[in-house]
Amino acid sequence: MDKVKVNNIRVYAHHGCLAEETAIGSEYLVNVSVDADLTKASISDKLSDTVDYVHINHIVKEEMKVPSKLLEHIGRRIINRIFSEIQIVQKAEVEVSKINPPIGGDVEKVTIVLKEKRKN
């Protein structure tokens, strides 16, 4: 299985359990890695035969606009859309990181990682 990775998609969004987090917002990083058979694309040189990373970026940006309390919820929505909209994808891994989380310490970021295989 081949891979397409889209790394460090930077987004300013309004997520969190605290009212201040959703009001003020903060910076997030999202990484997406998908597994698909890219053999056809490597021969045809056609965008329609591969995973369009512009489409992945679009999904991430749209889902990050929807406020959520948990990073896990955002990651699940992103994975669901990838499987729904990009049929060639067989596996997906999504990392959602909150930069400078308000946890009362000097922490660069917190990250959740969700992985899933397509259910046939």
PDB file of N, CA and C in Angstrom:
ATOM      1  N   MET A   1       0.853  -1.182   0.000  1.00  0.00           N
ATOM      2  CA  MET A   1       0.000   0.000   0.000  1.00  0.00           C
ATOM      3  C   MET A   1       0.896   1.241   0.000  1.00  0.00           C
ATOM      4  N   ASP A   2       0.486   2.231  -0.752  1.00  0.00           N
ATOM      5  CA  ASP A   2       1.229   3.481  -0.881  1.00  0.00           C
ATOM      6  C   ASP A   2       0.635   4.521   0.072  1.00  0.00           C
ATOM      7  N   LYS A   3       1.320   5.658   0.223  1.00  0.00           N
ATOM      8  CA  LYS A   3       0.885   6.696   1.161  1.00  0.00           C
ATOM      9  C   LYS A   3       0.865   8.076   0.523  1.00  0.00           C
ATOM     10  N   VAL A   4      -0.053   8.888   0.994  1.00  0.00           N
ATOM     11  CA  VAL A   4      -0.054  10.319   0.731  1.00  0.00           C
ATOM     12  C   VAL A   4      -0.130  10.979   2.100  1.00  0.00           C
ATOM     13  N   LYS A   5       0.786  11.913   2.365  1.00  0.00           N
ATOM     14  CA  LYS A   5       0.810  12.624   3.637  1.00  0.00           C
ATOM     15  C   LYS A   5       0.644  14.118   3.397  1.00  0.00           C
ATOM     16  N   VAL A   6      -0.169  14.730   4.220  1.00  0.00           N
ATOM     17  CA  VAL A   6      -0.307  16.185   4.221  1.00  0.00           C
ATOM     18  C   VAL A   6       0.030  16.607   5.650  1.00  0.00           C
ATOM     19  N   ASN A   7       1.148  17.298   5.816  1.00  0.00           N
ATOM     20  CA  ASN A   7       1.674  17.594   7.147  1.00  0.00           C
ATOM     21  C   ASN A   7       1.590  19.068   7.517  1.00  0.00           C
ATOM     22  N   ASN A   8       1.340  19.272   8.792  1.00  0.00           N
ATOM     23  CA  ASN A   8       1.347  20.607   9.404  1.00  0.00           C
ATOM     24  C   ASN A   8       0.390  21.595   8.745  1.00  0.00           C
ATOM     25  N   ILE A   9      -0.853  21.145   8.585  1.00  0.00           N
ATOM     26  CA  ILE A   9      -1.898  22.062   8.127  1.00  0.00           C
ATOM     27  C   ILE A   9      -2.195  22.979   9.316  1.00  0.00           C
ATOM     28  N   ARG A  10      -1.901  24.251   9.166  1.00  0.00           N
ATOM     29  CA  ARG A  10      -2.075  25.220  10.256  1.00  0.00           C
ATOM     30  C   ARG A  10      -3.462  25.850  10.164  1.00  0.00           C
ATOM     31  N   VAL A  11      -4.157  25.846  11.298  1.00  0.00           N
ATOM     32  CA  VAL A  11      -5.517  26.377  11.343  1.00  0.00           C
ATOM     33  C   VAL A  11      -5.721  27.119  12.658  1.00  0.00           C
ATOM     34  N   TYR A  12      -6.385  28.247  12.590  1.00  0.00           N
ATOM     35  CA  TYR A  12      -6.831  28.940  13.803  1.00  0.00           C
ATOM     36  C   TYR A  12      -8.299  28.571  13.971  1.00  0.00           C
ATOM     37  N   ALA A  13      -8.650  28.006  15.145  1.00  0.00           N
ATOM     38  CA  ALA A  13     -10.015  27.514  15.330  1.00  0.00           C
ATOM     39  C   ALA A  13     -10.460  27.710  16.772  1.00  0.00           C
ATOM     40  N   HIS A  14     -11.714  27.380  17.021  1.00  0.00           N
ATOM     41  CA  HIS A  14     -12.349  27.621  18.318  1.00  0.00           C
ATOM     42  C   HIS A  14     -12.862  26.315  18.909  1.00  0.00           C
ATOM     43  N   HIS A  15     -11.951  25.534  19.488  1.00  0.00           N
ATOM     44  CA  HIS A  15     -12.299  24.254  20.097  1.00  0.00           C
ATOM     45  C   HIS A  15     -11.889  24.248  21.556  1.00  0.00           C
ATOM     46  N   GLY A  16     -12.553  23.411  22.345  1.00  0.00           N
ATOM     47  CA  GLY A  16     -12.159  23.240  23.738  1.00  0.00           C
ATOM     48  C   GLY A  16     -13.347  23.101  24.659  1.00  0.00           C
ATOM     49  N   CYS A  17     -13.076  22.646  25.860  1.00  0.00           N
ATOM     50  CA  CYS A  17     -14.113  22.458  26.881  1.00  0.00           C
ATOM     51  C   CYS A  17     -14.393  23.731  27.662  1.00  0.00           C
ATOM     52  N   LEU A  18     -13.431  24.640  27.687  1.00  0.00           N
ATOM     53  CA  LEU A  18     -13.605  25.895  28.425  1.00  0.00           C
ATOM     54  C   LEU A  18     -14.216  26.966  27.528  1.00  0.00           C
ATOM     55  N   ALA A  19     -15.086  27.778  28.099  1.00  0.00           N
ATOM     56  CA  ALA A  19     -15.738  28.852  27.335  1.00  0.00           C
ATOM     57  C   ALA A  19     -14.712  29.797  26.722  1.00  0.00           C
ATOM     58  N   GLU A  20     -13.625  30.058  27.453  1.00  0.00           N
ATOM     59  CA  GLU A  20     -12.584  30.954  26.958  1.00  0.00           C
ATOM     60  C   GLU A  20     -11.923  30.399  25.690  1.00  0.00           C
ATOM     61  N   GLU A  21     -11.741  29.074  25.651  1.00  0.00           N
ATOM     62  CA  GLU A  21     -11.104  28.452  24.485  1.00  0.00           C
ATOM     63  C   GLU A  21     -11.944  28.637  23.231  1.00  0.00           C
ATOM     64  N   THR A  22     -13.234  28.440  23.374  1.00  0.00           N
ATOM     65  CA  THR A  22     -14.094  28.563  22.196  1.00  0.00           C
ATOM     66  C   THR A  22     -14.306  30.023  21.806  1.00  0.00           C
ATOM     67  N   ALA A  23     -14.243  30.933  22.778  1.00  0.00           N
ATOM     68  CA  ALA A  23     -14.416  32.356  22.474  1.00  0.00           C
ATOM     69  C   ALA A  23     -13.166  32.943  21.832  1.00  0.00           C
ATOM     70  N   ILE A  24     -12.015  32.672  22.421  1.00  0.00           N
ATOM     71  CA  ILE A  24     -10.762  33.264  21.957  1.00  0.00           C
ATOM     72  C   ILE A  24     -10.185  32.499  20.776  1.00  0.00           C
ATOM     73  N   GLY A  25     -10.230  31.174  20.840  1.00  0.00           N
ATOM     74  CA  GLY A  25      -9.639  30.339  19.799  1.00  0.00           C
ATOM     75  C   GLY A  25      -8.153  30.151  20.016  1.00  0.00           C
ATOM     76  N   SER A  26      -7.565  29.278  19.231  1.00  0.00           N
ATOM     77  CA  SER A  26      -6.130  29.032  19.306  1.00  0.00           C
ATOM     78  C   SER A  26      -5.654  28.367  18.023  1.00  0.00           C
ATOM     79  N   GLU A  27      -4.353  28.146  17.965  1.00  0.00           N
ATOM     80  CA  GLU A  27      -3.752  27.539  16.780  1.00  0.00           C
ATOM     81  C   GLU A  27      -3.715  26.021  16.896  1.00  0.00           C
ATOM     82  N   TYR A  28      -3.888  25.380  15.756  1.00  0.00           N
ATOM     83  CA  TYR A  28      -3.873  23.924  15.672  1.00  0.00           C
ATOM     84  C   TYR A  28      -3.003  23.507  14.498  1.00  0.00           C
ATOM     85  N   LEU A  29      -2.466  22.302  14.610  1.00  0.00           N
ATOM     86  CA  LEU A  29      -1.761  21.651  13.504  1.00  0.00           C
ATOM     87  C   LEU A  29      -2.457  20.326  13.247  1.00  0.00           C
ATOM     88  N   VAL A  30      -2.660  20.013  11.984  1.00  0.00           N
ATOM     89  CA  VAL A  30      -3.279  18.742  11.619  1.00  0.00           C
ATOM     90  C   VAL A  30      -2.380  18.049  10.609  1.00  0.00           C
ATOM     91  N   ASN A  31      -2.124  16.764  10.865  1.00  0.00           N
ATOM     92  CA  ASN A  31      -1.388  15.908   9.942  1.00  0.00           C
ATOM     93  C   ASN A  31      -2.318  14.792   9.487  1.00  0.00           C
ATOM     94  N   VAL A  32      -2.295  14.511   8.189  1.00  0.00           N
ATOM     95  CA  VAL A  32      -3.117  13.441   7.640  1.00  0.00           C
ATOM     96  C   VAL A  32      -2.221  12.533   6.805  1.00  0.00           C
ATOM     97  N   SER A  33      -2.347  11.228   7.038  1.00  0.00           N
ATOM     98  CA  SER A  33      -1.649  10.230   6.240  1.00  0.00           C
ATOM     99  C   SER A  33      -2.682   9.210   5.785  1.00  0.00           C
ATOM    100  N   VAL A  34      -2.727   8.952   4.490  1.00  0.00           N
ATOM    101  CA  VAL A  34      -3.679   7.972   3.972  1.00  0.00           C
ATOM    102  C   VAL A  34      -2.950   6.924   3.141  1.00  0.00           C
ATOM    103  N   ASP A  35      -3.448   5.695   3.201  1.00  0.00           N
ATOM    104  CA  ASP A  35      -2.915   4.596   2.411  1.00  0.00           C
ATOM    105  C   ASP A  35      -3.866   4.319   1.256  1.00  0.00           C
ATOM    106  N   ALA A  36      -3.295   4.166   0.079  1.00  0.00           N
ATOM    107  CA  ALA A  36      -4.076   3.866  -1.119  1.00  0.00           C
ATOM    108  C   ALA A  36      -3.148   3.233  -2.149  1.00  0.00           C
ATOM    109  N   ASP A  37      -3.719   2.523  -3.084  1.00  0.00           N
ATOM    110  CA  ASP A  37      -2.935   1.968  -4.183  1.00  0.00           C
ATOM    111  C   ASP A  37      -2.750   3.073  -5.223  1.00  0.00           C
ATOM    112  N   LEU A  38      -1.518   3.554  -5.348  1.00  0.00           N
ATOM    113  CA  LEU A  38      -1.215   4.656  -6.266  1.00  0.00           C
ATOM    114  C   LEU A  38      -0.571   4.181  -7.564  1.00  0.00           C
ATOM    115  N   THR A  39      -0.629   2.883  -7.810  1.00  0.00           N
ATOM    116  CA  THR A  39      -0.015   2.309  -9.014  1.00  0.00           C
ATOM    117  C   THR A  39      -0.570   2.945 -10.280  1.00  0.00           C
ATOM    118  N   LYS A  40      -1.885   3.008 -10.377  1.00  0.00           N
ATOM    119  CA  LYS A  40      -2.530   3.560 -11.579  1.00  0.00           C
ATOM    120  C   LYS A  40      -2.078   5.004 -11.823  1.00  0.00           C
ATOM    121  N   ALA A  41      -2.040   5.812 -10.766  1.00  0.00           N
ATOM    122  CA  ALA A  41      -1.631   7.213 -10.898  1.00  0.00           C
ATOM    123  C   ALA A  41      -0.171   7.328 -11.321  1.00  0.00           C
ATOM    124  N   SER A  42       0.665   6.420 -10.822  1.00  0.00           N
ATOM    125  CA  SER A  42       2.088   6.479 -11.169  1.00  0.00           C
ATOM    126  C   SER A  42       2.326   6.176 -12.645  1.00  0.00           C
ATOM    127  N   ILE A  43       1.385   5.510 -13.275  1.00  0.00           N
ATOM    128  CA  ILE A  43       1.489   5.191 -14.703  1.00  0.00           C
ATOM    129  C   ILE A  43       0.757   6.227 -15.552  1.00  0.00           C
ATOM    130  N   SER A  44      -0.458   6.593 -15.124  1.00  0.00           N
ATOM    131  CA  SER A  44      -1.311   7.465 -15.944  1.00  0.00           C
ATOM    132  C   SER A  44      -0.929   8.942 -15.871  1.00  0.00           C
ATOM    133  N   ASP A  45      -0.353   9.380 -14.751  1.00  0.00           N
ATOM    134  CA  ASP A  45      -0.041  10.788 -14.519  1.00  0.00           C
ATOM    135  C   ASP A  45      -1.309  11.646 -14.500  1.00  0.00           C
ATOM    136  N   LYS A  46      -2.424  11.061 -14.013  1.00  0.00           N
ATOM    137  CA  LYS A  46      -3.707  11.769 -13.943  1.00  0.00           C
ATOM    138  C   LYS A  46      -4.113  11.985 -12.491  1.00  0.00           C
ATOM    139  N   LEU A  47      -4.520  13.198 -12.174  1.00  0.00           N
ATOM    140  CA  LEU A  47      -4.971  13.546 -10.833  1.00  0.00           C
ATOM    141  C   LEU A  47      -6.150  12.682 -10.403  1.00  0.00           C
ATOM    142  N   SER A  48      -7.007  12.333 -11.328  1.00  0.00           N
ATOM    143  CA  SER A  48      -8.196  11.532 -11.010  1.00  0.00           C
ATOM    144  C   SER A  48      -7.858  10.119 -10.543  1.00  0.00           C
ATOM    145  N   ASP A  49      -6.615   9.682 -10.741  1.00  0.00           N
ATOM    146  CA  ASP A  49      -6.210   8.335 -10.339  1.00  0.00           C
ATOM    147  C   ASP A  49      -5.470   8.296  -9.005  1.00  0.00           C
ATOM    148  N   THR A  50      -5.403   9.416  -8.310  1.00  0.00           N
ATOM    149  CA  THR A  50      -4.655   9.463  -7.057  1.00  0.00           C
ATOM    150  C   THR A  50      -5.486  10.096  -5.943  1.00  0.00           C
ATOM    151  N   VAL A  51      -4.878  10.274  -4.805  1.00  0.00           N
ATOM    152  CA  VAL A  51      -5.489  10.996  -3.690  1.00  0.00           C
ATOM    153  C   VAL A  51      -5.080  12.455  -3.839  1.00  0.00           C
ATOM    154  N   ASP A  52      -6.056  13.309  -4.046  1.00  0.00           N
ATOM    155  CA  ASP A  52      -5.795  14.737  -4.235  1.00  0.00           C
ATOM    156  C   ASP A  52      -5.547  15.394  -2.872  1.00  0.00           C
ATOM    157  N   TYR A  53      -4.313  15.803  -2.617  1.00  0.00           N
ATOM    158  CA  TYR A  53      -3.996  16.394  -1.312  1.00  0.00           C
ATOM    159  C   TYR A  53      -4.681  17.737  -1.123  1.00  0.00           C
ATOM    160  N   VAL A  54      -5.072  18.395  -2.196  1.00  0.00           N
ATOM    161  CA  VAL A  54      -5.855  19.632  -2.073  1.00  0.00           C
ATOM    162  C   VAL A  54      -7.215  19.311  -1.448  1.00  0.00           C
ATOM    163  N   HIS A  55      -7.781  18.178  -1.833  1.00  0.00           N
ATOM    164  CA  HIS A  55      -9.064  17.738  -1.277  1.00  0.00           C
ATOM    165  C   HIS A  55      -8.920  17.438   0.223  1.00  0.00           C
ATOM    166  N   ILE A  56      -7.833  16.779   0.606  1.00  0.00           N
ATOM    167  CA  ILE A  56      -7.590  16.492   2.023  1.00  0.00           C
ATOM    168  C   ILE A  56      -7.479  17.800   2.803  1.00  0.00           C
ATOM    169  N   ASN A  57      -6.720  18.741   2.296  1.00  0.00           N
ATOM    170  CA  ASN A  57      -6.571  20.043   2.954  1.00  0.00           C
ATOM    171  C   ASN A  57      -7.923  20.727   3.109  1.00  0.00           C
ATOM    172  N   HIS A  58      -8.754  20.665   2.088  1.00  0.00           N
ATOM    173  CA  HIS A  58     -10.088  21.263   2.112  1.00  0.00           C
ATOM    174  C   HIS A  58     -10.953  20.632   3.217  1.00  0.00           C
ATOM    175  N   ILE A  59     -10.939  19.298   3.310  1.00  0.00           N
ATOM    176  CA  ILE A  59     -11.705  18.598   4.344  1.00  0.00           C
ATOM    177  C   ILE A  59     -11.261  19.068   5.728  1.00  0.00           C
ATOM    178  N   VAL A  60      -9.945  19.097   5.948  1.00  0.00           N
ATOM    179  CA  VAL A  60      -9.420  19.513   7.251  1.00  0.00           C
ATOM    180  C   VAL A  60      -9.869  20.925   7.584  1.00  0.00           C
ATOM    181  N   LYS A  61      -9.713  21.853   6.662  1.00  0.00           N
ATOM    182  CA  LYS A  61     -10.070  23.255   6.918  1.00  0.00           C
ATOM    183  C   LYS A  61     -11.566  23.391   7.237  1.00  0.00           C
ATOM    184  N   GLU A  62     -12.417  22.674   6.503  1.00  0.00           N
ATOM    185  CA  GLU A  62     -13.862  22.746   6.758  1.00  0.00           C
ATOM    186  C   GLU A  62     -14.225  22.170   8.124  1.00  0.00           C
ATOM    187  N   GLU A  63     -13.663  21.018   8.455  1.00  0.00           N
ATOM    188  CA  GLU A  63     -13.994  20.383   9.733  1.00  0.00           C
ATOM    189  C   GLU A  63     -13.441  21.161  10.915  1.00  0.00           C
ATOM    190  N   MET A  64     -12.329  21.837  10.739  1.00  0.00           N
ATOM    191  CA  MET A  64     -11.761  22.636  11.825  1.00  0.00           C
ATOM    192  C   MET A  64     -12.602  23.885  12.101  1.00  0.00           C
ATOM    193  N   LYS A  65     -13.456  24.287  11.173  1.00  0.00           N
ATOM    194  CA  LYS A  65     -14.346  25.433  11.385  1.00  0.00           C
ATOM    195  C   LYS A  65     -15.504  25.102  12.322  1.00  0.00           C
ATOM    196  N   VAL A  66     -15.809  23.815  12.485  1.00  0.00           N
ATOM    197  CA  VAL A  66     -16.936  23.381  13.309  1.00  0.00           C
ATOM    198  C   VAL A  66     -16.451  23.216  14.751  1.00  0.00           C
ATOM    199  N   PRO A  67     -16.914  24.080  15.687  1.00  0.00           N
ATOM    200  CA  PRO A  67     -16.429  23.989  17.069  1.00  0.00           C
ATOM    201  C   PRO A  67     -16.745  22.643  17.715  1.00  0.00           C
ATOM    202  N   SER A  68     -15.759  22.105  18.427  1.00  0.00           N
ATOM    203  CA  SER A  68     -15.907  20.855  19.170  1.00  0.00           C
ATOM    204  C   SER A  68     -15.227  21.015  20.517  1.00  0.00           C
ATOM    205  N   LYS A  69     -15.668  20.219  21.463  1.00  0.00           N
ATOM    206  CA  LYS A  69     -15.016  20.219  22.766  1.00  0.00           C
ATOM    207  C   LYS A  69     -13.725  19.411  22.723  1.00  0.00           C
ATOM    208  N   LEU A  70     -13.749  18.287  21.999  1.00  0.00           N
ATOM    209  CA  LEU A  70     -12.625  17.364  22.021  1.00  0.00           C
ATOM    210  C   LEU A  70     -11.918  17.258  20.673  1.00  0.00           C
ATOM    211  N   LEU A  71     -10.601  17.154  20.725  1.00  0.00           N
ATOM    212  CA  LEU A  71      -9.812  16.939  19.512  1.00  0.00           C
ATOM    213  C   LEU A  71     -10.184  15.613  18.854  1.00  0.00           C
ATOM    214  N   GLU A  72     -10.544  14.633  19.664  1.00  0.00           N
ATOM    215  CA  GLU A  72     -10.939  13.322  19.141  1.00  0.00           C
ATOM    216  C   GLU A  72     -12.148  13.438  18.216  1.00  0.00           C
ATOM    217  N   HIS A  73     -13.072  14.305  18.580  1.00  0.00           N
ATOM    218  CA  HIS A  73     -14.281  14.496  17.771  1.00  0.00           C
ATOM    219  C   HIS A  73     -13.936  15.093  16.405  1.00  0.00           C
ATOM    220  N   ILE A  74     -13.017  16.037  16.406  1.00  0.00           N
ATOM    221  CA  ILE A  74     -12.570  16.648  15.149  1.00  0.00           C
ATOM    222  C   ILE A  74     -11.887  15.591  14.269  1.00  0.00           C
ATOM    223  N   GLY A  75     -10.983  14.823  14.869  1.00  0.00           N
ATOM    224  CA  GLY A  75     -10.281  13.773  14.123  1.00  0.00           C
ATOM    225  C   GLY A  75     -11.232  12.769  13.505  1.00  0.00           C
ATOM    226  N   ARG A  76     -12.263  12.369  14.254  1.00  0.00           N
ATOM    227  CA  ARG A  76     -13.256  11.405  13.745  1.00  0.00           C
ATOM    228  C   ARG A  76     -13.996  11.982  12.555  1.00  0.00           C
ATOM    229  N   ARG A  77     -14.385  13.247  12.632  1.00  0.00           N
ATOM    230  CA  ARG A  77     -15.100  13.873  11.507  1.00  0.00           C
ATOM    231  C   ARG A  77     -14.218  13.914  10.261  1.00  0.00           C
ATOM    232  N   ILE A  78     -12.943  14.222  10.439  1.00  0.00           N
ATOM    233  CA  ILE A  78     -12.023  14.278   9.302  1.00  0.00           C
ATOM    234  C   ILE A  78     -11.895  12.899   8.660  1.00  0.00           C
ATOM    235  N   ILE A  79     -11.689  11.868   9.466  1.00  0.00           N
ATOM    236  CA  ILE A  79     -11.581  10.505   8.936  1.00  0.00           C
ATOM    237  C   ILE A  79     -12.862  10.099   8.217  1.00  0.00           C
ATOM    238  N   ASN A  80     -14.003  10.372   8.814  1.00  0.00           N
ATOM    239  CA  ASN A  80     -15.279  10.013   8.182  1.00  0.00           C
ATOM    240  C   ASN A  80     -15.421  10.659   6.809  1.00  0.00           C
ATOM    241  N   ARG A  81     -15.060  11.923   6.704  1.00  0.00           N
ATOM    242  CA  ARG A  81     -15.160  12.617   5.412  1.00  0.00           C
ATOM    243  C   ARG A  81     -14.179  12.058   4.391  1.00  0.00           C
ATOM    244  N   ILE A  82     -12.970  11.737   4.830  1.00  0.00           N
ATOM    245  CA  ILE A  82     -11.983  11.170   3.906  1.00  0.00           C
ATOM    246  C   ILE A  82     -12.527   9.883   3.306  1.00  0.00           C
ATOM    247  N   PHE A  83     -13.046   8.979   4.139  1.00  0.00           N
ATOM    248  CA  PHE A  83     -13.577   7.714   3.633  1.00  0.00           C
ATOM    249  C   PHE A  83     -14.824   7.931   2.773  1.00  0.00           C
ATOM    250  N   SER A  84     -15.624   8.910   3.124  1.00  0.00           N
ATOM    251  CA  SER A  84     -16.839   9.188   2.366  1.00  0.00           C
ATOM    252  C   SER A  84     -16.551   9.805   0.992  1.00  0.00           C
ATOM    253  N   GLU A  85     -15.534  10.663   0.927  1.00  0.00           N
ATOM    254  CA  GLU A  85     -15.310  11.449  -0.282  1.00  0.00           C
ATOM    255  C   GLU A  85     -14.158  10.980  -1.165  1.00  0.00           C
ATOM    256  N   ILE A  86     -13.257  10.170  -0.631  1.00  0.00           N
ATOM    257  CA  ILE A  86     -12.095   9.741  -1.417  1.00  0.00           C
ATOM    258  C   ILE A  86     -12.063   8.208  -1.413  1.00  0.00           C
ATOM    259  N   GLN A  87     -12.686   7.624  -2.405  1.00  0.00           N
ATOM    260  CA  GLN A  87     -12.912   6.179  -2.428  1.00  0.00           C
ATOM    261  C   GLN A  87     -11.641   5.330  -2.490  1.00  0.00           C
ATOM    262  N   ILE A  88     -10.587   5.859  -3.033  1.00  0.00           N
ATOM    263  CA  ILE A  88      -9.340   5.110  -3.194  1.00  0.00           C
ATOM    264  C   ILE A  88      -8.634   4.868  -1.853  1.00  0.00           C
ATOM    265  N   VAL A  89      -8.950   5.669  -0.827  1.00  0.00           N
ATOM    266  CA  VAL A  89      -8.289   5.565   0.477  1.00  0.00           C
ATOM    267  C   VAL A  89      -8.734   4.296   1.197  1.00  0.00           C
ATOM    268  N   GLN A  90      -7.745   3.501   1.668  1.00  0.00           N
ATOM    269  CA  GLN A  90      -8.017   2.270   2.403  1.00  0.00           C
ATOM    270  C   GLN A  90      -7.745   2.405   3.896  1.00  0.00           C
ATOM    271  N   LYS A  91      -6.806   3.262   4.274  1.00  0.00           N
ATOM    272  CA  LYS A  91      -6.480   3.521   5.681  1.00  0.00           C
ATOM    273  C   LYS A  91      -6.251   5.012   5.837  1.00  0.00           C
ATOM    274  N   ALA A  92      -6.567   5.523   7.019  1.00  0.00           N
ATOM    275  CA  ALA A  92      -6.322   6.938   7.301  1.00  0.00           C
ATOM    276  C   ALA A  92      -5.808   7.095   8.726  1.00  0.00           C
ATOM    277  N   GLU A  93      -4.876   8.014   8.866  1.00  0.00           N
ATOM    278  CA  GLU A  93      -4.375   8.401  10.186  1.00  0.00           C
ATOM    279  C   GLU A  93      -4.434   9.913  10.263  1.00  0.00           C
ATOM    280  N   VAL A  94      -5.045  10.415  11.326  1.00  0.00           N
ATOM    281  CA  VAL A  94      -5.199  11.858  11.515  1.00  0.00           C
ATOM    282  C   VAL A  94      -4.644  12.239  12.883  1.00  0.00           C
ATOM    283  N   GLU A  95      -3.780  13.248  12.889  1.00  0.00           N
ATOM    284  CA  GLU A  95      -3.246  13.817  14.124  1.00  0.00           C
ATOM    285  C   GLU A  95      -3.756  15.249  14.224  1.00  0.00           C
ATOM    286  N   VAL A  96      -4.366  15.563  15.355  1.00  0.00           N
ATOM    287  CA  VAL A  96      -4.824  16.929  15.603  1.00  0.00           C
ATOM    288  C   VAL A  96      -4.088  17.418  16.843  1.00  0.00           C
ATOM    289  N   SER A  97      -3.351  18.523  16.698  1.00  0.00           N
ATOM    290  CA  SER A  97      -2.562  19.080  17.798  1.00  0.00           C
ATOM    291  C   SER A  97      -3.055  20.473  18.153  1.00  0.00           C
ATOM    292  N   LYS A  98      -3.204  20.698  19.446  1.00  0.00           N
ATOM    293  CA  LYS A  98      -3.527  22.037  19.951  1.00  0.00           C
ATOM    294  C   LYS A  98      -2.227  22.655  20.432  1.00  0.00           C
ATOM    295  N   ILE A  99      -1.874  23.807  19.848  1.00  0.00           N
ATOM    296  CA  ILE A  99      -0.641  24.505  20.198  1.00  0.00           C
ATOM    297  C   ILE A  99      -0.867  25.306  21.487  1.00  0.00           C
ATOM    298  N   ASN A 100       0.094  25.262  22.393  1.00  0.00           N
ATOM    299  CA  ASN A 100       0.019  25.986  23.673  1.00  0.00           C
ATOM    300  C   ASN A 100      -1.311  25.764  24.399  1.00  0.00           C
ATOM    301  N   PRO A 101      -1.626  24.522  24.754  1.00  0.00           N
ATOM    302  CA  PRO A 101      -2.907  24.258  25.422  1.00  0.00           C
ATOM    303  C   PRO A 101      -2.951  24.891  26.813  1.00  0.00           C
ATOM    304  N   PRO A 102      -4.138  25.323  27.253  1.00  0.00           N
ATOM    305  CA  PRO A 102      -4.262  25.970  28.565  1.00  0.00           C
ATOM    306  C   PRO A 102      -4.332  24.926  29.690  1.00  0.00           C
ATOM    307  N   ILE A 103      -3.183  24.309  30.008  1.00  0.00           N
ATOM    308  CA  ILE A 103      -3.192  23.267  31.032  1.00  0.00           C
ATOM    309  C   ILE A 103      -2.322  23.624  32.230  1.00  0.00           C
ATOM    310  N   GLY A 104      -1.993  24.888  32.367  1.00  0.00           N
ATOM    311  CA  GLY A 104      -1.262  25.339  33.541  1.00  0.00           C
ATOM    312  C   GLY A 104       0.194  24.905  33.575  1.00  0.00           C
ATOM    313  N   GLY A 105       0.822  24.842  32.431  1.00  0.00           N
ATOM    314  CA  GLY A 105       2.233  24.481  32.373  1.00  0.00           C
ATOM    315  C   GLY A 105       2.821  24.871  31.045  1.00  0.00           C
ATOM    316  N   ASP A 106       4.123  24.725  30.921  1.00  0.00           N
ATOM    317  CA  ASP A 106       4.815  25.063  29.683  1.00  0.00           C
ATOM    318  C   ASP A 106       4.794  23.840  28.771  1.00  0.00           C
ATOM    319  N   VAL A 107       3.738  23.735  27.955  1.00  0.00           N
ATOM    320  CA  VAL A 107       3.544  22.600  27.060  1.00  0.00           C
ATOM    321  C   VAL A 107       3.420  23.128  25.639  1.00  0.00           C
ATOM    322  N   GLU A 108       4.253  22.622  24.757  1.00  0.00           N
ATOM    323  CA  GLU A 108       4.228  23.077  23.365  1.00  0.00           C
ATOM    324  C   GLU A 108       2.903  22.753  22.686  1.00  0.00           C
ATOM    325  N   LYS A 109       2.450  21.494  22.838  1.00  0.00           N
ATOM    326  CA  LYS A 109       1.211  21.085  22.193  1.00  0.00           C
ATOM    327  C   LYS A 109       0.736  19.764  22.769  1.00  0.00           C
ATOM    328  N   VAL A 110      -0.539  19.498  22.584  1.00  0.00           N
ATOM    329  CA  VAL A 110      -1.104  18.188  22.872  1.00  0.00           C
ATOM    330  C   VAL A 110      -1.642  17.644  21.559  1.00  0.00           C
ATOM    331  N   THR A 111      -1.524  16.337  21.374  1.00  0.00           N
ATOM    332  CA  THR A 111      -1.898  15.727  20.101  1.00  0.00           C
ATOM    333  C   THR A 111      -2.708  14.460  20.335  1.00  0.00           C
ATOM    334  N   ILE A 112      -3.756  14.303  19.540  1.00  0.00           N
ATOM    335  CA  ILE A 112      -4.469  13.018  19.503  1.00  0.00           C
ATOM    336  C   ILE A 112      -4.185  12.399  18.138  1.00  0.00           C
ATOM    337  N   VAL A 113      -4.163  11.078  18.098  1.00  0.00           N
ATOM    338  CA  VAL A 113      -3.935  10.352  16.853  1.00  0.00           C
ATOM    339  C   VAL A 113      -5.043   9.316  16.705  1.00  0.00           C
ATOM    340  N   LEU A 114      -5.762   9.383  15.594  1.00  0.00           N
ATOM    341  CA  LEU A 114      -6.781   8.388  15.275  1.00  0.00           C
ATOM    342  C   LEU A 114      -6.375   7.667  14.007  1.00  0.00           C
ATOM    343  N   LYS A 115      -6.555   6.333  13.997  1.00  0.00           N
ATOM    344  CA  LYS A 115      -6.240   5.511  12.831  1.00  0.00           C
ATOM    345  C   LYS A 115      -7.447   4.634  12.532  1.00  0.00           C
ATOM    346  N   GLU A 116      -7.709   4.456  11.253  1.00  0.00           N
ATOM    347  CA  GLU A 116      -8.822   3.590  10.879  1.00  0.00           C
ATOM    348  C   GLU A 116      -8.614   2.997   9.501  1.00  0.00           C
ATOM    349  N   LYS A 117      -9.112   1.759   9.331  1.00  0.00           N
ATOM    350  CA  LYS A 117      -9.146   1.100   8.029  1.00  0.00           C
ATOM    351  C   LYS A 117     -10.544   1.219   7.477  1.00  0.00           C
ATOM    352  N   ARG A 118     -10.650   1.274   6.154  1.00  0.00           N
ATOM    353  CA  ARG A 118     -11.956   1.322   5.508  1.00  0.00           C
ATOM    354  C   ARG A 118     -12.720   0.029   5.824  1.00  0.00           C
ATOM    355  N   LYS A 119     -13.966   0.183   6.177  1.00  0.00           N
ATOM    356  CA  LYS A 119     -14.822  -0.983   6.416  1.00  0.00           C
ATOM    357  C   LYS A 119     -15.559  -1.280   5.120  1.00  0.00           C
ATOM    358  N   ASN A 120     -15.349  -2.468   4.601  1.00  0.00           N
ATOM    359  CA  ASN A 120     -15.985  -2.800   3.311  1.00  0.00           C
ATOM    360  C   ASN A 120     -17.295  -3.520   3.480  1.00  0.00           C
TER     361      ASN A 120
END
